[in-house]
């Protein structure tokens, strides 16, 4: 069941709404349990996620697969949310035993793993090979990182 492809996600606005609620919940949990630093806000996280979904929607539109918007974006949001919760769990559980540096490394590896996951989903959504999807997901990740860095004044 876990190996089903993204096109198995139902084209349902209810599933999309559930994914959005899960995204907000995981963002809230991350902001609450982890000190994300000065300048971080829940609104900025939402705007960054919305930017990424907008880029994915534009790619679906340009490639002629916009009819797959709801299932593809639902899958990306839900998988990203689950990985965010895993990120928080890893950080919170490893930090007391191994210190902040090791916990941050493991948690960062989990977040970086979201790139090939999202890449696979978008590649299947536009009927392309997996490496095209990973390139797209890397571009989206870099744009989101740059946006968040600019908005927090880190650039």
N, C-alpha and C. Protein backbone atom coordinates (compact mmCIF):
# COMPACT_ATOMS: atom_id res chain seq x y z
N UNK A 1 0.82 -1.19 0.00
CA UNK A 1 0.00 0.00 0.00
C UNK A 1 0.86 1.25 0.00
N UNK A 2 1.99 1.26 0.71
CA UNK A 2 2.83 2.44 0.76
C UNK A 2 3.56 2.68 -0.56
N UNK A 3 3.60 1.71 -1.44
CA UNK A 3 4.29 1.87 -2.70
C UNK A 3 3.37 2.31 -3.84
N UNK A 4 2.16 2.67 -3.52
CA UNK A 4 1.25 3.15 -4.55
C UNK A 4 1.76 4.46 -5.10
N UNK A 5 1.44 4.72 -6.34
CA UNK A 5 1.94 5.93 -6.99
C UNK A 5 1.02 7.11 -6.71
N UNK A 6 1.51 8.34 -6.97
CA UNK A 6 0.72 9.53 -6.66
C UNK A 6 -0.62 9.60 -7.39
N UNK A 7 -0.70 8.97 -8.54
CA UNK A 7 -1.98 9.03 -9.25
C UNK A 7 -3.07 8.20 -8.56
N UNK A 8 -2.70 7.44 -7.54
CA UNK A 8 -3.68 6.70 -6.76
C UNK A 8 -4.41 7.58 -5.75
N UNK A 9 -3.91 8.81 -5.55
CA UNK A 9 -4.56 9.74 -4.63
C UNK A 9 -5.86 10.20 -5.28
N UNK A 10 -6.98 10.14 -4.58
CA UNK A 10 -8.25 10.53 -5.19
C UNK A 10 -8.29 12.02 -5.54
N UNK A 11 -8.98 12.33 -6.62
CA UNK A 11 -9.18 13.72 -7.04
C UNK A 11 -10.34 14.29 -6.22
N UNK A 12 -10.04 14.60 -4.97
CA UNK A 12 -11.07 15.02 -4.03
C UNK A 12 -10.63 16.26 -3.28
N UNK A 13 -11.52 17.25 -3.25
CA UNK A 13 -11.21 18.46 -2.51
C UNK A 13 -11.19 18.19 -1.01
N UNK A 14 -11.87 17.15 -0.56
CA UNK A 14 -11.83 16.77 0.85
C UNK A 14 -10.42 16.28 1.22
N UNK A 15 -9.82 15.48 0.35
CA UNK A 15 -8.44 15.02 0.57
C UNK A 15 -7.49 16.21 0.56
N UNK A 16 -7.71 17.14 -0.37
CA UNK A 16 -6.89 18.35 -0.45
C UNK A 16 -7.01 19.17 0.83
N UNK A 17 -8.22 19.33 1.32
CA UNK A 17 -8.45 20.07 2.56
C UNK A 17 -7.77 19.37 3.75
N UNK A 18 -7.89 18.04 3.80
CA UNK A 18 -7.22 17.29 4.86
C UNK A 18 -5.71 17.49 4.80
N UNK A 19 -5.14 17.49 3.58
CA UNK A 19 -3.70 17.71 3.43
C UNK A 19 -3.31 19.10 3.91
N UNK A 20 -4.14 20.11 3.62
CA UNK A 20 -3.86 21.47 4.09
C UNK A 20 -3.91 21.56 5.61
N UNK A 21 -4.89 20.89 6.22
CA UNK A 21 -4.98 20.88 7.68
C UNK A 21 -3.76 20.17 8.27
N UNK A 22 -3.35 19.07 7.66
CA UNK A 22 -2.16 18.36 8.12
C UNK A 22 -0.91 19.23 7.99
N UNK A 23 -0.83 20.02 6.91
CA UNK A 23 0.30 20.93 6.72
C UNK A 23 0.34 21.99 7.82
N UNK A 24 -0.82 22.56 8.12
CA UNK A 24 -0.87 23.58 9.17
C UNK A 24 -0.53 22.97 10.53
N UNK A 25 -1.02 21.78 10.79
CA UNK A 25 -0.72 21.10 12.05
C UNK A 25 0.77 20.82 12.18
N UNK A 26 1.38 20.29 11.12
CA UNK A 26 2.81 19.97 11.20
C UNK A 26 3.65 21.23 11.33
N UNK A 27 3.26 22.31 10.67
CA UNK A 27 3.98 23.58 10.81
C UNK A 27 3.85 24.12 12.23
N UNK A 28 2.66 24.01 12.80
CA UNK A 28 2.44 24.47 14.17
C UNK A 28 3.27 23.65 15.16
N UNK A 29 3.30 22.34 14.97
CA UNK A 29 4.08 21.47 15.85
C UNK A 29 5.56 21.81 15.74
N UNK A 30 6.04 22.02 14.52
CA UNK A 30 7.45 22.37 14.33
C UNK A 30 7.78 23.69 15.00
N UNK A 31 6.93 24.68 14.82
CA UNK A 31 7.18 26.00 15.41
C UNK A 31 7.09 25.96 16.93
N UNK A 32 6.25 25.10 17.47
CA UNK A 32 6.05 25.02 18.91
C UNK A 32 7.18 24.26 19.60
N UNK A 33 7.58 23.14 19.03
CA UNK A 33 8.55 22.27 19.70
C UNK A 33 10.00 22.59 19.39
N UNK A 34 10.25 23.32 18.32
CA UNK A 34 11.62 23.64 17.92
C UNK A 34 11.75 25.15 17.86
N UNK A 35 12.81 25.66 18.48
CA UNK A 35 13.08 27.09 18.40
C UNK A 35 13.63 27.38 17.00
N UNK A 36 12.80 27.93 16.14
CA UNK A 36 13.18 28.14 14.75
C UNK A 36 13.93 29.45 14.53
N UNK A 37 14.18 30.18 15.56
CA UNK A 37 14.99 31.39 15.44
C UNK A 37 14.16 32.64 15.29
N UNK A 38 14.86 33.74 15.43
CA UNK A 38 14.21 35.04 15.33
C UNK A 38 13.83 35.32 13.88
N UNK A 39 12.72 35.97 13.69
CA UNK A 39 12.26 36.30 12.35
C UNK A 39 11.37 35.24 11.73
N UNK A 40 11.22 34.11 12.39
CA UNK A 40 10.37 33.05 11.85
C UNK A 40 8.93 33.28 12.29
N UNK A 41 8.03 33.06 11.37
CA UNK A 41 6.62 33.18 11.71
C UNK A 41 5.84 32.08 10.99
N UNK A 42 4.71 31.77 11.56
CA UNK A 42 3.85 30.75 10.96
C UNK A 42 3.34 31.24 9.60
N UNK A 43 3.07 32.53 9.50
CA UNK A 43 2.61 33.11 8.24
C UNK A 43 3.67 32.97 7.15
N UNK A 44 4.93 33.20 7.51
CA UNK A 44 6.02 33.06 6.53
C UNK A 44 6.14 31.62 6.05
N UNK A 45 5.99 30.67 6.95
CA UNK A 45 6.02 29.26 6.56
C UNK A 45 4.88 28.95 5.60
N UNK A 46 3.70 29.45 5.90
CA UNK A 46 2.55 29.23 5.03
C UNK A 46 2.78 29.87 3.66
N UNK A 47 3.32 31.09 3.64
CA UNK A 47 3.59 31.77 2.36
C UNK A 47 4.63 31.00 1.55
N UNK A 48 5.64 30.47 2.22
CA UNK A 48 6.68 29.70 1.54
C UNK A 48 6.09 28.42 0.95
N UNK A 49 5.26 27.73 1.71
CA UNK A 49 4.58 26.53 1.20
C UNK A 49 3.66 26.87 0.03
N UNK A 50 2.95 27.98 0.16
CA UNK A 50 2.04 28.42 -0.91
C UNK A 50 2.82 28.74 -2.18
N UNK A 51 4.01 29.35 -2.04
CA UNK A 51 4.87 29.63 -3.19
C UNK A 51 5.25 28.34 -3.90
N UNK A 52 5.66 27.34 -3.13
CA UNK A 52 6.02 26.05 -3.72
C UNK A 52 4.86 25.39 -4.44
N UNK A 53 3.68 25.43 -3.82
CA UNK A 53 2.50 24.84 -4.47
C UNK A 53 2.14 25.61 -5.74
N UNK A 54 2.35 26.92 -5.72
CA UNK A 54 2.10 27.73 -6.91
C UNK A 54 3.03 27.36 -8.05
N UNK A 55 4.29 27.10 -7.73
CA UNK A 55 5.25 26.68 -8.76
C UNK A 55 4.84 25.31 -9.32
N UNK A 56 4.48 24.39 -8.43
CA UNK A 56 4.03 23.08 -8.91
C UNK A 56 2.77 23.20 -9.76
N UNK A 57 1.85 24.08 -9.37
CA UNK A 57 0.63 24.29 -10.16
C UNK A 57 0.99 24.86 -11.53
N UNK A 58 1.93 25.79 -11.58
CA UNK A 58 2.35 26.37 -12.86
C UNK A 58 2.98 25.30 -13.75
N UNK A 59 3.77 24.42 -13.17
CA UNK A 59 4.38 23.34 -13.95
C UNK A 59 3.31 22.40 -14.49
N UNK A 60 2.33 22.08 -13.66
CA UNK A 60 1.22 21.23 -14.13
C UNK A 60 0.46 21.92 -15.26
N UNK A 61 0.26 23.23 -15.15
CA UNK A 61 -0.47 23.98 -16.17
C UNK A 61 0.32 24.02 -17.48
N UNK A 62 1.61 24.35 -17.39
CA UNK A 62 2.44 24.48 -18.59
C UNK A 62 2.58 23.14 -19.31
N UNK A 63 2.65 22.06 -18.57
CA UNK A 63 2.82 20.75 -19.20
C UNK A 63 1.50 20.12 -19.64
N UNK A 64 0.39 20.79 -19.37
CA UNK A 64 -0.91 20.29 -19.81
C UNK A 64 -1.55 19.28 -18.88
N UNK A 65 -1.09 19.20 -17.66
CA UNK A 65 -1.63 18.25 -16.70
C UNK A 65 -2.30 18.93 -15.52
N UNK A 66 -2.86 20.12 -15.73
CA UNK A 66 -3.46 20.85 -14.63
C UNK A 66 -4.67 20.11 -14.04
N UNK A 67 -5.27 19.22 -14.84
CA UNK A 67 -6.40 18.44 -14.31
C UNK A 67 -5.96 17.52 -13.17
N UNK A 68 -4.65 17.32 -13.01
CA UNK A 68 -4.13 16.50 -11.91
C UNK A 68 -3.71 17.34 -10.70
N UNK A 69 -4.08 18.62 -10.70
CA UNK A 69 -3.65 19.53 -9.64
C UNK A 69 -4.01 19.02 -8.25
N UNK A 70 -5.26 18.69 -8.03
CA UNK A 70 -5.70 18.31 -6.68
C UNK A 70 -4.98 17.06 -6.18
N UNK A 71 -4.92 15.95 -6.94
CA UNK A 71 -4.22 14.79 -6.39
C UNK A 71 -2.72 14.99 -6.23
N UNK A 72 -2.08 15.67 -7.19
CA UNK A 72 -0.63 15.86 -7.11
C UNK A 72 -0.27 16.76 -5.94
N UNK A 73 -0.93 17.90 -5.84
CA UNK A 73 -0.61 18.83 -4.75
C UNK A 73 -1.02 18.26 -3.40
N UNK A 74 -2.12 17.51 -3.36
CA UNK A 74 -2.50 16.84 -2.10
C UNK A 74 -1.42 15.88 -1.65
N UNK A 75 -0.88 15.10 -2.59
CA UNK A 75 0.17 14.14 -2.26
C UNK A 75 1.44 14.86 -1.80
N UNK A 76 1.81 15.94 -2.48
CA UNK A 76 3.01 16.69 -2.10
C UNK A 76 2.84 17.29 -0.71
N UNK A 77 1.69 17.90 -0.46
CA UNK A 77 1.46 18.52 0.85
C UNK A 77 1.44 17.46 1.95
N UNK A 78 0.73 16.37 1.73
CA UNK A 78 0.62 15.34 2.77
C UNK A 78 1.97 14.68 3.06
N UNK A 79 2.72 14.35 2.02
CA UNK A 79 4.03 13.74 2.24
C UNK A 79 4.98 14.72 2.92
N UNK A 80 4.95 15.98 2.49
CA UNK A 80 5.77 17.00 3.14
C UNK A 80 5.41 17.18 4.60
N UNK A 81 4.13 17.10 4.91
CA UNK A 81 3.69 17.25 6.30
C UNK A 81 4.15 16.08 7.16
N UNK A 82 4.05 14.88 6.62
CA UNK A 82 4.50 13.70 7.36
C UNK A 82 6.01 13.78 7.60
N UNK A 83 6.76 14.21 6.58
CA UNK A 83 8.20 14.36 6.76
C UNK A 83 8.54 15.47 7.75
N UNK A 84 7.73 16.52 7.80
CA UNK A 84 7.93 17.58 8.79
C UNK A 84 7.72 17.04 10.20
N UNK A 85 6.67 16.24 10.38
CA UNK A 85 6.44 15.63 11.70
C UNK A 85 7.57 14.68 12.08
N UNK A 86 8.09 13.94 11.10
CA UNK A 86 9.24 13.06 11.35
C UNK A 86 10.47 13.88 11.70
N UNK A 87 10.66 15.01 11.02
CA UNK A 87 11.75 15.95 11.31
C UNK A 87 11.69 16.42 12.76
N UNK A 88 10.50 16.83 13.18
CA UNK A 88 10.32 17.31 14.56
C UNK A 88 10.58 16.19 15.55
N UNK A 89 10.03 15.01 15.28
CA UNK A 89 10.23 13.88 16.20
C UNK A 89 11.71 13.52 16.32
N UNK A 90 12.41 13.49 15.19
CA UNK A 90 13.84 13.17 15.23
C UNK A 90 14.61 14.21 16.02
N UNK A 91 14.32 15.47 15.78
CA UNK A 91 15.02 16.54 16.48
C UNK A 91 14.75 16.49 17.99
N UNK A 92 13.49 16.38 18.34
CA UNK A 92 13.11 16.40 19.76
C UNK A 92 13.65 15.17 20.49
N UNK A 93 13.66 14.03 19.85
CA UNK A 93 14.11 12.81 20.52
C UNK A 93 15.63 12.69 20.55
N UNK A 94 16.33 13.19 19.55
CA UNK A 94 17.79 13.05 19.51
C UNK A 94 18.51 14.15 20.27
N UNK A 95 17.92 15.32 20.36
CA UNK A 95 18.58 16.47 20.99
C UNK A 95 19.04 16.21 22.43
N UNK A 96 18.22 15.61 23.29
CA UNK A 96 18.68 15.39 24.67
C UNK A 96 19.82 14.38 24.79
N UNK A 97 19.89 13.42 23.87
CA UNK A 97 20.88 12.36 23.98
C UNK A 97 22.19 12.66 23.25
N UNK A 98 22.10 13.28 22.08
CA UNK A 98 23.29 13.49 21.25
C UNK A 98 23.67 14.95 21.07
N UNK A 99 22.87 15.84 21.59
CA UNK A 99 23.16 17.27 21.46
C UNK A 99 22.51 17.86 20.21
N UNK A 100 22.52 19.17 20.17
CA UNK A 100 21.85 19.89 19.09
C UNK A 100 22.45 19.67 17.72
N UNK A 101 23.78 19.54 17.64
CA UNK A 101 24.42 19.42 16.33
C UNK A 101 24.01 18.13 15.61
N UNK A 102 24.06 17.02 16.30
CA UNK A 102 23.68 15.74 15.70
C UNK A 102 22.19 15.73 15.37
N UNK A 103 21.38 16.26 16.27
CA UNK A 103 19.94 16.30 16.03
C UNK A 103 19.62 17.15 14.81
N UNK A 104 20.31 18.27 14.64
CA UNK A 104 20.07 19.13 13.47
C UNK A 104 20.49 18.42 12.19
N UNK A 105 21.61 17.70 12.22
CA UNK A 105 22.07 16.98 11.02
C UNK A 105 21.04 15.93 10.60
N UNK A 106 20.59 15.13 11.54
CA UNK A 106 19.60 14.08 11.22
C UNK A 106 18.30 14.70 10.73
N UNK A 107 17.84 15.74 11.42
CA UNK A 107 16.59 16.40 11.04
C UNK A 107 16.72 17.04 9.66
N UNK A 108 17.87 17.63 9.37
CA UNK A 108 18.08 18.25 8.05
C UNK A 108 18.09 17.19 6.95
N UNK A 109 18.67 16.04 7.22
CA UNK A 109 18.65 14.96 6.23
C UNK A 109 17.22 14.51 5.93
N UNK A 110 16.37 14.52 6.93
CA UNK A 110 14.96 14.17 6.72
C UNK A 110 14.30 15.21 5.82
N UNK A 111 14.55 16.49 6.08
CA UNK A 111 13.96 17.54 5.24
C UNK A 111 14.50 17.46 3.82
N UNK A 112 15.79 17.18 3.68
CA UNK A 112 16.37 17.06 2.33
C UNK A 112 15.75 15.87 1.60
N UNK A 113 15.38 14.84 2.33
CA UNK A 113 14.73 13.67 1.71
C UNK A 113 13.40 14.06 1.06
N UNK A 114 12.80 15.15 1.52
CA UNK A 114 11.53 15.58 0.92
C UNK A 114 11.70 15.98 -0.54
N UNK A 115 12.91 16.37 -0.95
CA UNK A 115 13.12 16.78 -2.34
C UNK A 115 12.89 15.61 -3.30
N UNK A 116 13.53 14.44 -3.13
CA UNK A 116 13.22 13.35 -4.06
C UNK A 116 11.79 12.83 -3.94
N UNK A 117 11.21 12.93 -2.74
CA UNK A 117 9.81 12.51 -2.58
C UNK A 117 8.90 13.40 -3.42
N UNK A 118 9.06 14.72 -3.27
CA UNK A 118 8.25 15.65 -4.06
C UNK A 118 8.59 15.52 -5.55
N UNK A 119 9.86 15.27 -5.85
CA UNK A 119 10.26 15.08 -7.25
C UNK A 119 9.58 13.89 -7.89
N UNK A 120 9.49 12.80 -7.15
CA UNK A 120 8.80 11.62 -7.67
C UNK A 120 7.32 11.92 -7.92
N UNK A 121 6.71 12.63 -6.99
CA UNK A 121 5.28 12.94 -7.14
C UNK A 121 5.04 13.82 -8.35
N UNK A 122 5.82 14.90 -8.50
CA UNK A 122 5.59 15.80 -9.63
C UNK A 122 5.96 15.12 -10.95
N UNK A 123 6.99 14.26 -10.94
CA UNK A 123 7.36 13.55 -12.16
C UNK A 123 6.23 12.64 -12.62
N UNK A 124 5.60 11.93 -11.69
CA UNK A 124 4.48 11.08 -12.05
C UNK A 124 3.28 11.91 -12.47
N UNK A 125 3.14 13.09 -11.86
CA UNK A 125 2.02 13.97 -12.20
C UNK A 125 2.09 14.53 -13.61
N UNK A 126 3.32 14.70 -14.13
CA UNK A 126 3.48 15.25 -15.48
C UNK A 126 3.99 14.20 -16.46
N UNK A 127 3.94 12.93 -16.05
CA UNK A 127 4.36 11.80 -16.89
C UNK A 127 5.78 11.97 -17.44
N UNK A 128 6.71 12.26 -16.55
CA UNK A 128 8.12 12.39 -16.92
C UNK A 128 8.94 11.42 -16.08
N UNK A 129 10.20 11.27 -16.47
CA UNK A 129 11.10 10.40 -15.74
C UNK A 129 11.38 11.01 -14.37
N UNK A 130 11.77 10.18 -13.40
CA UNK A 130 11.95 10.64 -12.02
C UNK A 130 13.00 11.72 -11.88
N UNK A 131 14.05 11.69 -12.72
CA UNK A 131 15.10 12.70 -12.56
C UNK A 131 14.61 14.08 -12.97
N UNK A 132 13.67 14.18 -13.89
CA UNK A 132 13.06 15.48 -14.24
C UNK A 132 12.32 16.02 -13.02
N UNK A 133 11.60 15.15 -12.34
CA UNK A 133 10.89 15.56 -11.14
C UNK A 133 11.82 16.02 -10.03
N UNK A 134 12.95 15.33 -9.87
CA UNK A 134 13.90 15.74 -8.83
C UNK A 134 14.51 17.09 -9.16
N UNK A 135 14.80 17.34 -10.42
CA UNK A 135 15.33 18.66 -10.81
C UNK A 135 14.29 19.74 -10.51
N UNK A 136 13.03 19.48 -10.84
CA UNK A 136 11.96 20.44 -10.55
C UNK A 136 11.85 20.67 -9.04
N UNK A 137 11.86 19.59 -8.27
CA UNK A 137 11.75 19.72 -6.81
C UNK A 137 12.95 20.45 -6.22
N UNK A 138 14.14 20.25 -6.78
CA UNK A 138 15.32 20.98 -6.31
C UNK A 138 15.17 22.47 -6.58
N UNK A 139 14.67 22.81 -7.75
CA UNK A 139 14.45 24.22 -8.08
C UNK A 139 13.43 24.83 -7.12
N UNK A 140 12.35 24.13 -6.87
CA UNK A 140 11.33 24.62 -5.94
C UNK A 140 11.92 24.79 -4.55
N UNK A 141 12.71 23.83 -4.10
CA UNK A 141 13.35 23.91 -2.78
C UNK A 141 14.26 25.13 -2.68
N UNK A 142 15.06 25.37 -3.72
CA UNK A 142 15.98 26.52 -3.72
C UNK A 142 15.20 27.83 -3.73
N UNK A 143 14.14 27.91 -4.53
CA UNK A 143 13.32 29.13 -4.57
C UNK A 143 12.68 29.37 -3.20
N UNK A 144 12.15 28.32 -2.58
CA UNK A 144 11.54 28.47 -1.26
C UNK A 144 12.58 28.90 -0.22
N UNK A 145 13.76 28.30 -0.27
CA UNK A 145 14.81 28.66 0.67
C UNK A 145 15.23 30.12 0.48
N UNK A 146 15.40 30.53 -0.78
CA UNK A 146 15.77 31.92 -1.06
C UNK A 146 14.69 32.88 -0.60
N UNK A 147 13.43 32.54 -0.86
CA UNK A 147 12.32 33.40 -0.43
C UNK A 147 12.32 33.56 1.08
N UNK A 148 12.46 32.45 1.79
CA UNK A 148 12.44 32.52 3.25
C UNK A 148 13.66 33.28 3.78
N UNK A 149 14.80 33.10 3.15
CA UNK A 149 16.00 33.83 3.58
C UNK A 149 15.87 35.32 3.34
N UNK A 150 15.30 35.70 2.22
CA UNK A 150 15.09 37.12 1.92
C UNK A 150 14.10 37.73 2.90
N UNK A 151 13.03 37.01 3.17
CA UNK A 151 11.99 37.55 4.06
C UNK A 151 12.47 37.66 5.51
N UNK A 152 13.40 36.82 5.92
CA UNK A 152 13.91 36.90 7.29
C UNK A 152 15.18 37.73 7.39
N UNK A 153 15.67 38.23 6.26
CA UNK A 153 16.86 39.08 6.26
C UNK A 153 18.17 38.34 6.39
N UNK A 154 18.18 37.06 6.04
CA UNK A 154 19.43 36.29 6.12
C UNK A 154 20.26 36.39 4.86
N UNK A 155 19.76 37.06 3.85
CA UNK A 155 20.55 37.26 2.62
C UNK A 155 20.92 38.71 2.52
